[in-house]
Amino acid sequence: MKKKELTKEEVVHLSKLASLKLTDAEIEKLKKQLSETLDYVDNLNSINTTDVLPTDNVTGLKNVFFEDGKENTRGLTQDEALKNAKRKKDNYFEVNKILEEF
């Protein structure tokens, strides 16, 4: 079911919330794109989820944190972490420079 297209004012309001400065052409393009996106997401309301249990985690992982003050038995020691490093210097990984200084 097609919904009403977003208005120019709604797109301008959203752009202000996102701290974006948009041209009139960008606003018109976004009106259409955002309206299509909302229509697509609105389709989810038509899905029957009566027998679907709420899910907050699909990986099956439990709490991966440990309490403050307790020993972290899951972490690697520095030696274990550096064991297979191709380059290391002073007990750190050594990597190529990726940012240039100005």
Protein backbone atom coordinates (compact mmCIF):
# COMPACT_ATOMS: atom_id res chain seq x y z
CA MET A 1 0.00 0.00 0.00
CA LYS A 2 1.61 3.27 -1.15
CA LYS A 3 1.91 5.92 1.52
CA LYS A 4 2.01 9.66 1.13
CA GLU A 5 5.33 11.04 -0.08
CA LEU A 6 7.34 13.00 2.48
CA THR A 7 6.98 16.74 2.19
CA LYS A 8 9.82 19.13 1.50
CA GLU A 9 9.45 20.48 5.04
CA GLU A 10 9.82 16.99 6.52
CA VAL A 11 12.99 16.34 4.53
CA VAL A 12 14.39 19.75 5.52
CA HIS A 13 13.59 18.97 9.17
CA LEU A 14 15.36 15.59 8.91
CA SER A 15 18.36 17.23 7.27
CA LYS A 16 18.60 19.74 10.12
CA LEU A 17 18.47 16.92 12.66
CA ALA A 18 21.32 15.23 10.79
CA SER A 19 23.22 18.53 10.40
CA LEU A 20 23.13 18.23 6.61
CA LYS A 21 22.90 21.14 4.21
CA LEU A 22 20.95 20.06 1.15
CA THR A 23 20.30 21.74 -2.17
CA ASP A 24 16.77 21.88 -3.56
CA ALA A 25 17.69 19.12 -6.01
CA GLU A 26 18.95 16.90 -3.18
CA ILE A 27 15.79 17.57 -1.17
CA GLU A 28 13.61 16.49 -4.11
CA LYS A 29 15.71 13.36 -4.66
CA LEU A 30 15.58 12.49 -0.96
CA LYS A 31 11.81 13.05 -0.79
CA LYS A 32 11.35 10.20 -3.25
CA GLN A 33 14.06 7.94 -1.83
CA LEU A 34 13.04 8.34 1.82
CA SER A 35 9.38 7.81 0.95
CA GLU A 36 10.26 4.58 -0.88
CA THR A 37 12.34 3.45 2.09
CA LEU A 38 9.50 4.13 4.52
CA ASP A 39 7.08 2.24 2.28
CA TYR A 40 9.46 -0.71 2.14
CA VAL A 41 9.92 -0.78 5.92
CA ASP A 42 6.15 -0.39 6.39
CA ASN A 43 5.74 -3.72 4.57
CA LEU A 44 7.12 -5.37 7.70
CA ASN A 45 3.82 -4.53 9.43
CA SER A 46 2.06 -7.00 7.11
CA ILE A 47 4.17 -9.94 8.29
CA ASN A 48 2.49 -12.26 10.77
CA THR A 49 4.86 -12.53 13.73
CA THR A 50 2.39 -14.06 16.17
CA ASP A 51 4.41 -17.24 16.76
CA VAL A 52 7.84 -15.61 16.50
CA LEU A 53 9.71 -15.21 19.76
CA PRO A 54 11.41 -11.86 20.45
CA THR A 55 15.10 -12.04 19.60
CA ASP A 56 17.86 -9.73 20.75
CA ASN A 57 20.78 -11.94 19.73
CA VAL A 58 21.02 -14.40 16.86
CA THR A 59 24.57 -15.60 17.53
CA GLY A 60 23.85 -17.51 20.72
CA LEU A 61 26.62 -15.64 22.53
CA LYS A 62 26.16 -14.94 26.19
CA ASN A 63 27.55 -11.98 28.11
CA VAL A 64 31.12 -11.63 26.86
CA PHE A 65 32.16 -9.17 29.54
CA PHE A 66 33.65 -9.95 32.89
CA GLU A 67 33.13 -8.17 36.17
CA ASP A 68 35.49 -5.40 37.22
CA GLY A 69 38.25 -6.72 39.42
CA LYS A 70 37.89 -10.27 38.13
CA GLU A 71 40.61 -11.89 36.04
CA ASN A 72 39.98 -11.92 32.29
CA THR A 73 40.61 -15.55 31.44
CA ARG A 74 39.40 -15.16 27.86
CA GLY A 75 41.96 -12.58 26.74
CA LEU A 76 45.38 -13.18 25.26
CA THR A 77 48.60 -12.36 26.99
CA GLN A 78 50.85 -9.88 25.22
CA ASP A 79 53.17 -12.68 24.16
CA GLU A 80 50.28 -14.74 22.78
CA ALA A 81 48.93 -11.76 20.84
CA LEU A 82 52.31 -10.96 19.30
CA LYS A 83 53.29 -14.58 18.71
CA ASN A 84 52.48 -14.63 14.95
CA ALA A 85 53.08 -10.96 14.18
CA LYS A 86 55.15 -10.41 11.06
CA ARG A 87 56.62 -7.22 12.50
CA LYS A 88 56.84 -6.13 16.11
CA LYS A 89 58.78 -3.47 17.97
CA ASP A 90 59.08 -2.97 21.74
CA ASN A 91 56.27 -5.47 22.43
CA TYR A 92 53.85 -3.75 20.00
CA PHE A 93 52.61 -4.56 16.51
CA GLU A 94 54.56 -2.57 13.95
CA VAL A 95 52.57 -1.36 10.94
CA ASN A 96 53.11 0.93 7.99
CA LYS A 97 52.23 4.59 8.41
CA ILE A 98 48.74 5.29 7.01
CA LEU A 99 48.39 8.99 7.81
CA GLU A 100 50.72 11.70 6.64
CA GLU A 101 51.71 14.55 8.92
CA PHE A 102 50.96 18.07 7.70
